[in-house]
Amino acid sequence: MKNGYIFAISLCLLVVALLFFLLRTRRIKEKYAGMWIALALAVISLGIFPRVAYWLASMVGVQTPVNLLFALAFVVLLAVCIQLSSELTNLEEETRTLAEEIALLRLEVHESPRQATRKSSD
């Protein structure tokens, strides 16, 4: 049992180190890294103090702490999916707007020489 806690703590520390590396190399934004670091620190604290998980489970009315952790993991993953869907929607809207602006600029550039020749022939 103790090896499982050590493994979980080691894995979370590795994830935190990876997040700081990704943050330093600007491969992940601060708003995402902060969320993942907070989550990893919460898991580390539960690994160091497993009685907290038992206490939380009894406070919520869940039979075993594992069930509570699975439920919390599901909620976190659902929140991440919703947040990423929101970001994707914003990016799609921005991409559509930029494509429309580029099309209008191309039309303007394409029509400019025609209007110049019409004015010179008048």
PDB file of N, CA and C in Angstrom:
ATOM      1  N   MET A   1       0.826  -1.199   0.000  1.00  0.00           N
ATOM      2  CA  MET A   1       0.000   0.000   0.000  1.00  0.00           C
ATOM      3  C   MET A   1       0.861   1.250   0.000  1.00  0.00           C
ATOM      4  N   LYS A   2       1.932   1.205   0.765  1.00  0.00           N
ATOM      5  CA  LYS A   2       2.802   2.375   0.857  1.00  0.00           C
ATOM      6  C   LYS A   2       3.499   2.654  -0.476  1.00  0.00           C
ATOM      7  N   ASN A   3       3.818   1.592  -1.226  1.00  0.00           N
ATOM      8  CA  ASN A   3       4.463   1.778  -2.525  1.00  0.00           C
ATOM      9  C   ASN A   3       3.544   2.515  -3.494  1.00  0.00           C
ATOM     10  N   GLY A   4       2.238   2.282  -3.388  1.00  0.00           N
ATOM     11  CA  GLY A   4       1.282   2.984  -4.245  1.00  0.00           C
ATOM     12  C   GLY A   4       1.282   4.474  -3.980  1.00  0.00           C
ATOM     13  N   TYR A   5       1.357   4.860  -2.693  1.00  0.00           N
ATOM     14  CA  TYR A   5       1.406   6.283  -2.354  1.00  0.00           C
ATOM     15  C   TYR A   5       2.694   6.915  -2.860  1.00  0.00           C
ATOM     16  N   ILE A   6       3.802   6.224  -2.689  1.00  0.00           N
ATOM     17  CA  ILE A   6       5.092   6.748  -3.160  1.00  0.00           C
ATOM     18  C   ILE A   6       5.082   6.902  -4.672  1.00  0.00           C
ATOM     19  N   PHE A   7       4.495   5.910  -5.366  1.00  0.00           N
ATOM     20  CA  PHE A   7       4.404   5.986  -6.821  1.00  0.00           C
ATOM     21  C   PHE A   7       3.546   7.181  -7.249  1.00  0.00           C
ATOM     22  N   ALA A   8       2.390   7.371  -6.593  1.00  0.00           N
ATOM     23  CA  ALA A   8       1.494   8.482  -6.949  1.00  0.00           C
ATOM     24  C   ALA A   8       2.167   9.820  -6.692  1.00  0.00           C
ATOM     25  N   ILE A   9       2.853   9.936  -5.559  1.00  0.00           N
ATOM     26  CA  ILE A   9       3.539  11.199  -5.247  1.00  0.00           C
ATOM     27  C   ILE A   9       4.652  11.462  -6.245  1.00  0.00           C
ATOM     28  N   SER A  10       5.421  10.425  -6.580  1.00  0.00           N
ATOM     29  CA  SER A  10       6.515  10.575  -7.551  1.00  0.00           C
ATOM     30  C   SER A  10       5.975  10.973  -8.917  1.00  0.00           C
ATOM     31  N   LEU A  11       4.889  10.344  -9.315  1.00  0.00           N
ATOM     32  CA  LEU A  11       4.295  10.655 -10.616  1.00  0.00           C
ATOM     33  C   LEU A  11       3.786  12.094 -10.652  1.00  0.00           C
ATOM     34  N   CYS A  12       3.165  12.550  -9.580  1.00  0.00           N
ATOM     35  CA  CYS A  12       2.673  13.933  -9.535  1.00  0.00           C
ATOM     36  C   CYS A  12       3.824  14.934  -9.537  1.00  0.00           C
ATOM     37  N   LEU A  13       4.885  14.618  -8.830  1.00  0.00           N
ATOM     38  CA  LEU A  13       6.055  15.505  -8.855  1.00  0.00           C
ATOM     39  C   LEU A  13       6.646  15.580 -10.255  1.00  0.00           C
ATOM     40  N   LEU A  14       6.657  14.448 -10.952  1.00  0.00           N
ATOM     41  CA  LEU A  14       7.133  14.431 -12.335  1.00  0.00           C
ATOM     42  C   LEU A  14       6.226  15.275 -13.230  1.00  0.00           C
ATOM     43  N   VAL A  15       4.920  15.191 -13.019  1.00  0.00           N
ATOM     44  CA  VAL A  15       3.975  15.995 -13.805  1.00  0.00           C
ATOM     45  C   VAL A  15       4.183  17.487 -13.533  1.00  0.00           C
ATOM     46  N   VAL A  16       4.384  17.853 -12.271  1.00  0.00           N
ATOM     47  CA  VAL A  16       4.632  19.262 -11.935  1.00  0.00           C
ATOM     48  C   VAL A  16       5.911  19.749 -12.608  1.00  0.00           C
ATOM     49  N   ALA A  17       6.963  18.927 -12.573  1.00  0.00           N
ATOM     50  CA  ALA A  17       8.216  19.307 -13.233  1.00  0.00           C
ATOM     51  C   ALA A  17       8.005  19.470 -14.738  1.00  0.00           C
ATOM     52  N   LEU A  18       7.252  18.564 -15.354  1.00  0.00           N
ATOM     53  CA  LEU A  18       6.959  18.660 -16.784  1.00  0.00           C
ATOM     54  C   LEU A  18       6.162  19.929 -17.086  1.00  0.00           C
ATOM     55  N   LEU A  19       5.200  20.260 -16.233  1.00  0.00           N
ATOM     56  CA  LEU A  19       4.408  21.471 -16.443  1.00  0.00           C
ATOM     57  C   LEU A  19       5.271  22.725 -16.358  1.00  0.00           C
ATOM     58  N   PHE A  20       6.200  22.752 -15.398  1.00  0.00           N
ATOM     59  CA  PHE A  20       7.089  23.909 -15.309  1.00  0.00           C
ATOM     60  C   PHE A  20       7.996  23.998 -16.537  1.00  0.00           C
ATOM     61  N   PHE A  21       8.440  22.842 -17.053  1.00  0.00           N
ATOM     62  CA  PHE A  21       9.249  22.850 -18.276  1.00  0.00           C
ATOM     63  C   PHE A  21       8.432  23.385 -19.453  1.00  0.00           C
ATOM     64  N   LEU A  22       7.194  22.900 -19.604  1.00  0.00           N
ATOM     65  CA  LEU A  22       6.333  23.373 -20.692  1.00  0.00           C
ATOM     66  C   LEU A  22       6.016  24.852 -20.548  1.00  0.00           C
ATOM     67  N   LEU A  23       5.875  25.304 -19.319  1.00  0.00           N
ATOM     68  CA  LEU A  23       5.616  26.716 -19.062  1.00  0.00           C
ATOM     69  C   LEU A  23       6.829  27.567 -19.416  1.00  0.00           C
ATOM     70  N   ARG A  24       8.012  27.084 -19.060  1.00  0.00           N
ATOM     71  CA  ARG A  24       9.246  27.814 -19.364  1.00  0.00           C
ATOM     72  C   ARG A  24       9.504  27.912 -20.854  1.00  0.00           C
ATOM     73  N   THR A  25       9.190  26.865 -21.589  1.00  0.00           N
ATOM     74  CA  THR A  25       9.424  26.858 -23.038  1.00  0.00           C
ATOM     75  C   THR A  25       8.225  27.414 -23.810  1.00  0.00           C
ATOM     76  N   ARG A  26       7.250  27.947 -23.089  1.00  0.00           N
ATOM     77  CA  ARG A  26       6.054  28.573 -23.656  1.00  0.00           C
ATOM     78  C   ARG A  26       5.256  27.630 -24.552  1.00  0.00           C
ATOM     79  N   ARG A  27       5.196  26.373 -24.164  1.00  0.00           N
ATOM     80  CA  ARG A  27       4.374  25.412 -24.896  1.00  0.00           C
ATOM     81  C   ARG A  27       3.006  25.253 -24.262  1.00  0.00           C
ATOM     82  N   ILE A  28       2.829  25.858 -23.084  1.00  0.00           N
ATOM     83  CA  ILE A  28       1.540  25.849 -22.405  1.00  0.00           C
ATOM     84  C   ILE A  28       1.346  27.211 -21.756  1.00  0.00           C
ATOM     85  N   LYS A  29       0.115  27.687 -21.753  1.00  0.00           N
ATOM     86  CA  LYS A  29      -0.164  29.003 -21.174  1.00  0.00           C
ATOM     87  C   LYS A  29      -0.308  28.893 -19.657  1.00  0.00           C
ATOM     88  N   GLU A  30      -0.131  30.033 -18.999  1.00  0.00           N
ATOM     89  CA  GLU A  30      -0.172  30.065 -17.542  1.00  0.00           C
ATOM     90  C   GLU A  30      -1.523  29.627 -16.993  1.00  0.00           C
ATOM     91  N   LYS A  31      -2.598  30.013 -17.676  1.00  0.00           N
ATOM     92  CA  LYS A  31      -3.924  29.681 -17.155  1.00  0.00           C
ATOM     93  C   LYS A  31      -4.158  28.172 -17.142  1.00  0.00           C
ATOM     94  N   TYR A  32      -3.583  27.447 -18.094  1.00  0.00           N
ATOM     95  CA  TYR A  32      -3.729  25.994 -18.096  1.00  0.00           C
ATOM     96  C   TYR A  32      -2.761  25.349 -17.119  1.00  0.00           C
ATOM     97  N   ALA A  33      -1.539  25.836 -17.091  1.00  0.00           N
ATOM     98  CA  ALA A  33      -0.530  25.254 -16.202  1.00  0.00           C
ATOM     99  C   ALA A  33      -0.935  25.427 -14.742  1.00  0.00           C
ATOM    100  N   GLY A  34      -1.509  26.560 -14.396  1.00  0.00           N
ATOM    101  CA  GLY A  34      -1.932  26.789 -13.017  1.00  0.00           C
ATOM    102  C   GLY A  34      -2.958  25.772 -12.563  1.00  0.00           C
ATOM    103  N   MET A  35      -3.904  25.469 -13.441  1.00  0.00           N
ATOM    104  CA  MET A  35      -4.937  24.495 -13.104  1.00  0.00           C
ATOM    105  C   MET A  35      -4.330  23.109 -12.888  1.00  0.00           C
ATOM    106  N   TRP A  36      -3.442  22.706 -13.790  1.00  0.00           N
ATOM    107  CA  TRP A  36      -2.844  21.374 -13.678  1.00  0.00           C
ATOM    108  C   TRP A  36      -1.900  21.278 -12.482  1.00  0.00           C
ATOM    109  N   ILE A  37      -1.174  22.349 -12.193  1.00  0.00           N
ATOM    110  CA  ILE A  37      -0.283  22.336 -11.029  1.00  0.00           C
ATOM    111  C   ILE A  37      -1.103  22.251  -9.742  1.00  0.00           C
ATOM    112  N   ALA A  38      -2.194  22.988  -9.667  1.00  0.00           N
ATOM    113  CA  ALA A  38      -3.058  22.918  -8.482  1.00  0.00           C
ATOM    114  C   ALA A  38      -3.629  21.509  -8.310  1.00  0.00           C
ATOM    115  N   LEU A  39      -4.027  20.896  -9.403  1.00  0.00           N
ATOM    116  CA  LEU A  39      -4.560  19.536  -9.341  1.00  0.00           C
ATOM    117  C   LEU A  39      -3.481  18.552  -8.895  1.00  0.00           C
ATOM    118  N   ALA A  40      -2.278  18.689  -9.435  1.00  0.00           N
ATOM    119  CA  ALA A  40      -1.183  17.795  -9.044  1.00  0.00           C
ATOM    120  C   ALA A  40      -0.824  17.981  -7.572  1.00  0.00           C
ATOM    121  N   LEU A  41      -0.827  19.218  -7.094  1.00  0.00           N
ATOM    122  CA  LEU A  41      -0.530  19.464  -5.682  1.00  0.00           C
ATOM    123  C   LEU A  41      -1.619  18.887  -4.782  1.00  0.00           C
ATOM    124  N   ALA A  42      -2.863  18.929  -5.231  1.00  0.00           N
ATOM    125  CA  ALA A  42      -3.945  18.313  -4.457  1.00  0.00           C
ATOM    126  C   ALA A  42      -3.755  16.799  -4.367  1.00  0.00           C
ATOM    127  N   VAL A  43      -3.353  16.183  -5.468  1.00  0.00           N
ATOM    128  CA  VAL A  43      -3.114  14.738  -5.459  1.00  0.00           C
ATOM    129  C   VAL A  43      -1.904  14.406  -4.586  1.00  0.00           C
ATOM    130  N   ILE A  44      -0.876  15.237  -4.637  1.00  0.00           N
ATOM    131  CA  ILE A  44       0.301  15.024  -3.785  1.00  0.00           C
ATOM    132  C   ILE A  44      -0.095  15.108  -2.314  1.00  0.00           C
ATOM    133  N   SER A  45      -0.906  16.102  -1.980  1.00  0.00           N
ATOM    134  CA  SER A  45      -1.318  16.234  -0.576  1.00  0.00           C
ATOM    135  C   SER A  45      -2.166  15.040  -0.133  1.00  0.00           C
ATOM    136  N   LEU A  46      -3.012  14.520  -1.023  1.00  0.00           N
ATOM    137  CA  LEU A  46      -3.778  13.319  -0.679  1.00  0.00           C
ATOM    138  C   LEU A  46      -2.871  12.095  -0.550  1.00  0.00           C
ATOM    139  N   GLY A  47      -1.798  12.076  -1.344  1.00  0.00           N
ATOM    140  CA  GLY A  47      -0.836  10.975  -1.231  1.00  0.00           C
ATOM    141  C   GLY A  47      -0.045  11.037   0.061  1.00  0.00           C
ATOM    142  N   ILE A  48       0.288  12.237   0.495  1.00  0.00           N
ATOM    143  CA  ILE A  48       1.045  12.403   1.738  1.00  0.00           C
ATOM    144  C   ILE A  48       0.142  12.193   2.951  1.00  0.00           C
ATOM    145  N   PHE A  49      -1.088  12.698   2.864  1.00  0.00           N
ATOM    146  CA  PHE A  49      -2.040  12.593   3.976  1.00  0.00           C
ATOM    147  C   PHE A  49      -3.273  11.804   3.517  1.00  0.00           C
ATOM    148  N   PRO A  50      -3.191  10.484   3.437  1.00  0.00           N
ATOM    149  CA  PRO A  50      -4.324   9.690   2.927  1.00  0.00           C
ATOM    150  C   PRO A  50      -5.558   9.750   3.823  1.00  0.00           C
ATOM    151  N   ARG A  51      -5.389  10.076   5.070  1.00  0.00           N
ATOM    152  CA  ARG A  51      -6.539  10.175   5.984  1.00  0.00           C
ATOM    153  C   ARG A  51      -7.482  11.310   5.557  1.00  0.00           C
ATOM    154  N   VAL A  52      -6.954  12.300   4.870  1.00  0.00           N
ATOM    155  CA  VAL A  52      -7.803  13.396   4.380  1.00  0.00           C
ATOM    156  C   VAL A  52      -8.836  12.847   3.398  1.00  0.00           C
ATOM    157  N   ALA A  53      -8.419  11.901   2.561  1.00  0.00           N
ATOM    158  CA  ALA A  53      -9.341  11.295   1.598  1.00  0.00           C
ATOM    159  C   ALA A  53     -10.456  10.543   2.327  1.00  0.00           C
ATOM    160  N   TYR A  54     -10.107   9.838   3.387  1.00  0.00           N
ATOM    161  CA  TYR A  54     -11.121   9.126   4.175  1.00  0.00           C
ATOM    162  C   TYR A  54     -12.076  10.124   4.841  1.00  0.00           C
ATOM    163  N   TRP A  55     -11.525  11.201   5.358  1.00  0.00           N
ATOM    164  CA  TRP A  55     -12.347  12.224   6.009  1.00  0.00           C
ATOM    165  C   TRP A  55     -13.300  12.878   5.012  1.00  0.00           C
ATOM    166  N   LEU A  56     -12.762  13.238   3.822  1.00  0.00           N
ATOM    167  CA  LEU A  56     -13.616  13.838   2.789  1.00  0.00           C
ATOM    168  C   LEU A  56     -14.722  12.883   2.350  1.00  0.00           C
ATOM    169  N   ALA A  57     -14.376  11.604   2.208  1.00  0.00           N
ATOM    170  CA  ALA A  57     -15.376  10.616   1.799  1.00  0.00           C
ATOM    171  C   ALA A  57     -16.482  10.502   2.834  1.00  0.00           C
ATOM    172  N   SER A  58     -16.125  10.514   4.106  1.00  0.00           N
ATOM    173  CA  SER A  58     -17.162  10.425   5.145  1.00  0.00           C
ATOM    174  C   SER A  58     -17.990  11.705   5.211  1.00  0.00           C
ATOM    175  N   MET A  59     -17.359  12.847   4.941  1.00  0.00           N
ATOM    176  CA  MET A  59     -18.099  14.120   4.952  1.00  0.00           C
ATOM    177  C   MET A  59     -19.126  14.175   3.817  1.00  0.00           C
ATOM    178  N   VAL A  60     -18.753  13.649   2.669  1.00  0.00           N
ATOM    179  CA  VAL A  60     -19.633  13.679   1.504  1.00  0.00           C
ATOM    180  C   VAL A  60     -20.669  12.555   1.570  1.00  0.00           C
ATOM    181  N   GLY A  61     -20.340  11.490   2.296  1.00  0.00           N
ATOM    182  CA  GLY A  61     -21.256  10.352   2.408  1.00  0.00           C
ATOM    183  C   GLY A  61     -20.962   9.262   1.411  1.00  0.00           C
ATOM    184  N   VAL A  62     -19.723   9.191   0.958  1.00  0.00           N
ATOM    185  CA  VAL A  62     -19.305   8.163   0.005  1.00  0.00           C
ATOM    186  C   VAL A  62     -18.692   7.008   0.796  1.00  0.00           C
ATOM    187  N   GLN A  63     -18.942   5.770   0.357  1.00  0.00           N
ATOM    188  CA  GLN A  63     -18.470   4.583   1.081  1.00  0.00           C
ATOM    189  C   GLN A  63     -16.948   4.524   1.186  1.00  0.00           C
ATOM    190  N   THR A  64     -16.273   4.658   0.040  1.00  0.00           N
ATOM    191  CA  THR A  64     -14.809   4.551   0.035  1.00  0.00           C
ATOM    192  C   THR A  64     -14.198   5.777  -0.626  1.00  0.00           C
ATOM    193  N   PRO A  65     -12.995   6.146  -0.194  1.00  0.00           N
ATOM    194  CA  PRO A  65     -12.330   7.301  -0.799  1.00  0.00           C
ATOM    195  C   PRO A  65     -12.054   7.125  -2.291  1.00  0.00           C
ATOM    196  N   VAL A  66     -11.863   5.892  -2.741  1.00  0.00           N
ATOM    197  CA  VAL A  66     -11.584   5.653  -4.153  1.00  0.00           C
ATOM    198  C   VAL A  66     -12.772   6.097  -5.007  1.00  0.00           C
ATOM    199  N   ASN A  67     -13.973   5.814  -4.534  1.00  0.00           N
ATOM    200  CA  ASN A  67     -15.169   6.248  -5.277  1.00  0.00           C
ATOM    201  C   ASN A  67     -15.237   7.770  -5.354  1.00  0.00           C
ATOM    202  N   LEU A  68     -14.886   8.427  -4.266  1.00  0.00           N
ATOM    203  CA  LEU A  68     -14.865   9.888  -4.267  1.00  0.00           C
ATOM    204  C   LEU A  68     -13.815  10.414  -5.245  1.00  0.00           C
ATOM    205  N   LEU A  69     -12.644   9.807  -5.254  1.00  0.00           N
ATOM    206  CA  LEU A  69     -11.583  10.241  -6.170  1.00  0.00           C
ATOM    207  C   LEU A  69     -11.986  10.034  -7.624  1.00  0.00           C
ATOM    208  N   PHE A  70     -12.640   8.913  -7.932  1.00  0.00           N
ATOM    209  CA  PHE A  70     -13.111   8.684  -9.299  1.00  0.00           C
ATOM    210  C   PHE A  70     -14.175   9.715  -9.692  1.00  0.00           C
ATOM    211  N   ALA A  71     -15.064  10.033  -8.774  1.00  0.00           N
ATOM    212  CA  ALA A  71     -16.095  11.040  -9.066  1.00  0.00           C
ATOM    213  C   ALA A  71     -15.462  12.407  -9.289  1.00  0.00           C
ATOM    214  N   LEU A  72     -14.496  12.769  -8.443  1.00  0.00           N
ATOM    215  CA  LEU A  72     -13.808  14.053  -8.616  1.00  0.00           C
ATOM    216  C   LEU A  72     -13.011  14.082  -9.917  1.00  0.00           C
ATOM    217  N   ALA A  73     -12.368  12.959 -10.259  1.00  0.00           N
ATOM    218  CA  ALA A  73     -11.624  12.889 -11.519  1.00  0.00           C
ATOM    219  C   ALA A  73     -12.568  13.070 -12.704  1.00  0.00           C
ATOM    220  N   PHE A  74     -13.748  12.461 -12.621  1.00  0.00           N
ATOM    221  CA  PHE A  74     -14.733  12.621 -13.690  1.00  0.00           C
ATOM    222  C   PHE A  74     -15.155  14.075 -13.827  1.00  0.00           C
ATOM    223  N   VAL A  75     -15.408  14.744 -12.708  1.00  0.00           N
ATOM    224  CA  VAL A  75     -15.821  16.151 -12.743  1.00  0.00           C
ATOM    225  C   VAL A  75     -14.707  17.019 -13.327  1.00  0.00           C
ATOM    226  N   VAL A  76     -13.460  16.752 -12.931  1.00  0.00           N
ATOM    227  CA  VAL A  76     -12.332  17.535 -13.455  1.00  0.00           C
ATOM    228  C   VAL A  76     -12.191  17.333 -14.954  1.00  0.00           C
ATOM    229  N   LEU A  77     -12.277  16.087 -15.412  1.00  0.00           N
ATOM    230  CA  LEU A  77     -12.164  15.824 -16.852  1.00  0.00           C
ATOM    231  C   LEU A  77     -13.326  16.438 -17.627  1.00  0.00           C
ATOM    232  N   LEU A  78     -14.504  16.416 -17.054  1.00  0.00           N
ATOM    233  CA  LEU A  78     -15.653  17.050 -17.697  1.00  0.00           C
ATOM    234  C   LEU A  78     -15.440  18.559 -17.804  1.00  0.00           C
ATOM    235  N   ALA A  79     -14.931  19.164 -16.743  1.00  0.00           N
ATOM    236  CA  ALA A  79     -14.656  20.605 -16.766  1.00  0.00           C
ATOM    237  C   ALA A  79     -13.594  20.948 -17.807  1.00  0.00           C
ATOM    238  N   VAL A  80     -12.569  20.107 -17.914  1.00  0.00           N
ATOM    239  CA  VAL A  80     -11.519  20.335 -18.911  1.00  0.00           C
ATOM    240  C   VAL A  80     -12.106  20.227 -20.321  1.00  0.00           C
ATOM    241  N   CYS A  81     -12.953  19.237 -20.552  1.00  0.00           N
ATOM    242  CA  CYS A  81     -13.571  19.087 -21.877  1.00  0.00           C
ATOM    243  C   CYS A  81     -14.446  20.290 -22.227  1.00  0.00           C
ATOM    244  N   ILE A  82     -15.214  20.772 -21.265  1.00  0.00           N
ATOM    245  CA  ILE A  82     -16.064  21.940 -21.515  1.00  0.00           C
ATOM    246  C   ILE A  82     -15.211  23.167 -21.798  1.00  0.00           C
ATOM    247  N   GLN A  83     -14.149  23.340 -21.021  1.00  0.00           N
ATOM    248  CA  GLN A  83     -13.279  24.502 -21.210  1.00  0.00           C
ATOM    249  C   GLN A  83     -12.586  24.440 -22.568  1.00  0.00           C
ATOM    250  N   LEU A  84     -12.097  23.255 -22.953  1.00  0.00           N
ATOM    251  CA  LEU A  84     -11.446  23.116 -24.257  1.00  0.00           C
ATOM    252  C   LEU A  84     -12.441  23.308 -25.407  1.00  0.00           C
ATOM    253  N   SER A  85     -13.670  22.865 -25.231  1.00  0.00           N
ATOM    254  CA  SER A  85     -14.691  23.091 -26.254  1.00  0.00           C
ATOM    255  C   SER A  85     -14.970  24.583 -26.414  1.00  0.00           C
ATOM    256  N   SER A  86     -14.992  25.293 -25.311  1.00  0.00           N
ATOM    257  CA  SER A  86     -15.188  26.742 -25.363  1.00  0.00           C
ATOM    258  C   SER A  86     -14.035  27.421 -26.088  1.00  0.00           C
ATOM    259  N   GLU A  87     -12.806  27.035 -25.771  1.00  0.00           N
ATOM    260  CA  GLU A  87     -11.637  27.595 -26.453  1.00  0.00           C
ATOM    261  C   GLU A  87     -11.679  27.282 -27.949  1.00  0.00           C
ATOM    262  N   LEU A  88     -12.055  26.064 -28.294  1.00  0.00           N
ATOM    263  CA  LEU A  88     -12.131  25.668 -29.697  1.00  0.00           C
ATOM    264  C   LEU A  88     -13.180  26.483 -30.444  1.00  0.00           C
ATOM    265  N   THR A  89     -14.316  26.713 -29.809  1.00  0.00           N
ATOM    266  CA  THR A  89     -15.360  27.529 -30.429  1.00  0.00           C
ATOM    267  C   THR A  89     -14.864  28.946 -30.693  1.00  0.00           C
ATOM    268  N   ASN A  90     -14.169  29.523 -29.714  1.00  0.00           N
ATOM    269  CA  ASN A  90     -13.619  30.869 -29.900  1.00  0.00           C
ATOM    270  C   ASN A  90     -12.606  30.903 -31.035  1.00  0.00           C
ATOM    271  N   LEU A  91     -11.748  29.900 -31.116  1.00  0.00           N
ATOM    272  CA  LEU A  91     -10.754  29.853 -32.181  1.00  0.00           C
ATOM    273  C   LEU A  91     -11.391  29.667 -33.552  1.00  0.00           C
ATOM    274  N   GLU A  92     -12.436  28.845 -33.630  1.00  0.00           N
ATOM    275  CA  GLU A  92     -13.130  28.672 -34.909  1.00  0.00           C
ATOM    276  C   GLU A  92     -13.774  29.978 -35.363  1.00  0.00           C
ATOM    277  N   GLU A  93     -14.362  30.703 -34.435  1.00  0.00           N
ATOM    278  CA  GLU A  93     -14.975  31.988 -34.768  1.00  0.00           C
ATOM    279  C   GLU A  93     -13.923  32.990 -35.234  1.00  0.00           C
ATOM    280  N   GLU A  94     -12.800  33.006 -34.543  1.00  0.00           N
ATOM    281  CA  GLU A  94     -11.711  33.911 -34.933  1.00  0.00           C
ATOM    282  C   GLU A  94     -11.152  33.538 -36.298  1.00  0.00           C
ATOM    283  N   THR A  95     -11.021  32.253 -36.568  1.00  0.00           N
ATOM    284  CA  THR A  95     -10.527  31.790 -37.866  1.00  0.00           C
ATOM    285  C   THR A  95     -11.486  32.180 -38.988  1.00  0.00           C
ATOM    286  N   ARG A  96     -12.797  32.026 -38.745  1.00  0.00           N
ATOM    287  CA  ARG A  96     -13.786  32.407 -39.754  1.00  0.00           C
ATOM    288  C   ARG A  96     -13.724  33.898 -40.034  1.00  0.00           C
ATOM    289  N   THR A  97     -13.610  34.704 -38.976  1.00  0.00           N
ATOM    290  CA  THR A  97     -13.530  36.158 -39.144  1.00  0.00           C
ATOM    291  C   THR A  97     -12.286  36.540 -39.935  1.00  0.00           C
ATOM    292  N   LEU A  98     -11.148  35.924 -39.603  1.00  0.00           N
ATOM    293  CA  LEU A  98      -9.913  36.226 -40.334  1.00  0.00           C
ATOM    294  C   LEU A  98      -9.998  35.799 -41.795  1.00  0.00           C
ATOM    295  N   ALA A  99     -10.621  34.656 -42.068  1.00  0.00           N
ATOM    296  CA  ALA A  99     -10.773  34.203 -43.455  1.00  0.00           C
ATOM    297  C   ALA A  99     -11.647  35.171 -44.241  1.00  0.00           C
ATOM    298  N   GLU A 100     -12.706  35.678 -43.615  1.00  0.00           N
ATOM    299  CA  GLU A 100     -13.562  36.657 -44.292  1.00  0.00           C
ATOM    300  C   GLU A 100     -12.808  37.950 -44.570  1.00  0.00           C
ATOM    301  N   GLU A 101     -12.018  38.413 -43.604  1.00  0.00           N
ATOM    302  CA  GLU A 101     -11.242  39.637 -43.808  1.00  0.00           C
ATOM    303  C   GLU A 101     -10.211  39.459 -44.917  1.00  0.00           C
ATOM    304  N   ILE A 102      -9.563  38.301 -44.974  1.00  0.00           N
ATOM    305  CA  ILE A 102      -8.588  38.035 -46.037  1.00  0.00           C
ATOM    306  C   ILE A 102      -9.280  38.002 -47.393  1.00  0.00           C
ATOM    307  N   ALA A 103     -10.468  37.397 -47.462  1.00  0.00           N
ATOM    308  CA  ALA A 103     -11.210  37.352 -48.727  1.00  0.00           C
ATOM    309  C   ALA A 103     -11.577  38.754 -49.185  1.00  0.00           C
ATOM    310  N   LEU A 104     -12.002  39.601 -48.248  1.00  0.00           N
ATOM    311  CA  LEU A 104     -12.332  40.984 -48.620  1.00  0.00           C
ATOM    312  C   LEU A 104     -11.097  41.748 -49.079  1.00  0.00           C
ATOM    313  N   LEU A 105      -9.973  41.555 -48.428  1.00  0.00           N
ATOM    314  CA  LEU A 105      -8.736  42.225 -48.840  1.00  0.00           C
ATOM    315  C   LEU A 105      -8.280  41.748 -50.218  1.00  0.00           C
ATOM    316  N   ARG A 106      -8.400  40.447 -50.470  1.00  0.00           N
ATOM    317  CA  ARG A 106      -8.033  39.922 -51.791  1.00  0.00           C
ATOM    318  C   ARG A 106      -8.928  40.503 -52.877  1.00  0.00           C
ATOM    319  N   LEU A 107     -10.211  40.606 -52.568  1.00  0.00           N
ATOM    320  CA  LEU A 107     -11.136  41.200 -53.534  1.00  0.00           C
ATOM    321  C   LEU A 107     -10.773  42.650 -53.786  1.00  0.00           C
ATOM    322  N   GLU A 108     -10.445  43.367 -52.731  1.00  0.00           N
ATOM    323  CA  GLU A 108     -10.061  44.768 -52.870  1.00  0.00           C
ATOM    324  C   GLU A 108      -8.791  44.909 -53.701  1.00  0.00           C
ATOM    325  N   VAL A 109      -7.813  44.059 -53.470  1.00  0.00           N
ATOM    326  CA  VAL A 109      -6.559  44.100 -54.228  1.00  0.00           C
ATOM    327  C   VAL A 109      -6.815  43.715 -55.684  1.00  0.00           C
ATOM    328  N   HIS A 110      -7.678  42.748 -55.894  1.00  0.00           N
ATOM    329  CA  HIS A 110      -7.990  42.290 -57.250  1.00  0.00           C
ATOM    330  C   HIS A 110      -8.772  43.354 -58.022  1.00  0.00           C
ATOM    331  N   GLU A 111      -9.643  44.069 -57.356  1.00  0.00           N
ATOM    332  CA  GLU A 111     -10.474  45.091 -58.004  1.00  0.00           C
ATOM    333  C   GLU A 111      -9.722  46.407 -58.189  1.00  0.00           C
ATOM    334  N   SER A 112      -8.688  46.685 -57.444  1.00  0.00           N
ATOM    335  CA  SER A 112      -7.942  47.944 -57.546  1.00  0.00           C
ATOM    336  C   SER A 112      -7.402  48.209 -58.944  1.00  0.00           C
ATOM    337  N   PRO A 113      -6.696  47.271 -59.567  1.00  0.00           N
ATOM    338  CA  PRO A 113      -6.179  47.558 -60.915  1.00  0.00           C
ATOM    339  C   PRO A 113      -7.290  47.810 -61.938  1.00  0.00           C
ATOM    340  N   ARG A 114      -8.402  47.134 -61.784  1.00  0.00           N
ATOM    341  CA  ARG A 114      -9.511  47.334 -62.727  1.00  0.00           C
ATOM    342  C   ARG A 114     -10.073  48.746 -62.592  1.00  0.00           C
ATOM    343  N   GLN A 115     -10.216  49.202 -61.380  1.00  0.00           N
ATOM    344  CA  GLN A 115     -10.747  50.541 -61.168  1.00  0.00           C
ATOM    345  C   GLN A 115      -9.739  51.583 -61.655  1.00  0.00           C
ATOM    346  N   ALA A 116      -8.454  51.322 -61.512  1.00  0.00           N
ATOM    347  CA  ALA A 116      -7.434  52.262 -61.982  1.00  0.00           C
ATOM    348  C   ALA A 116      -7.460  52.348 -63.503  1.00  0.00           C
ATOM    349  N   THR A 117      -7.635  51.226 -64.200  1.00  0.00           N
ATOM    350  CA  THR A 117      -7.678  51.266 -65.670  1.00  0.00           C
ATOM    351  C   THR A 117      -8.946  51.939 -66.157  1.00  0.00           C
ATOM    352  N   ARG A 118     -10.049  51.773 -65.428  1.00  0.00           N
ATOM    353  CA  ARG A 118     -11.291  52.426 -65.829  1.00  0.00           C
ATOM    354  C   ARG A 118     -11.161  53.945 -65.687  1.00  0.00           C
ATOM    355  N   LYS A 119     -10.538  54.399 -64.625  1.00  0.00           N
ATOM    356  CA  LYS A 119     -10.379  55.823 -64.418  1.00  0.00           C
ATOM    357  C   LYS A 119      -9.432  56.435 -65.446  1.00  0.00           C
ATOM    358  N   SER A 120      -8.396  55.690 -65.800  1.00  0.00           N
ATOM    359  CA  SER A 120      -7.429  56.243 -66.774  1.00  0.00           C
ATOM    360  C   SER A 120      -8.030  56.279 -68.169  1.00  0.00           C
ATOM    361  N   SER A 121      -8.949  55.365 -68.494  1.00  0.00           N
ATOM    362  CA  SER A 121      -9.565  55.366 -69.814  1.00  0.00           C
ATOM    363  C   SER A 121     -10.673  56.415 -69.924  1.00  0.00           C
ATOM    364  N   ASP A 122     -11.186  56.904 -68.804  1.00  0.00           N
ATOM    365  CA  ASP A 122     -12.240  57.936 -68.837  1.00  0.00           C
ATOM    366  C   ASP A 122     -11.694  59.268 -69.122  1.00  0.00           C
TER     367      ASP A 122
END
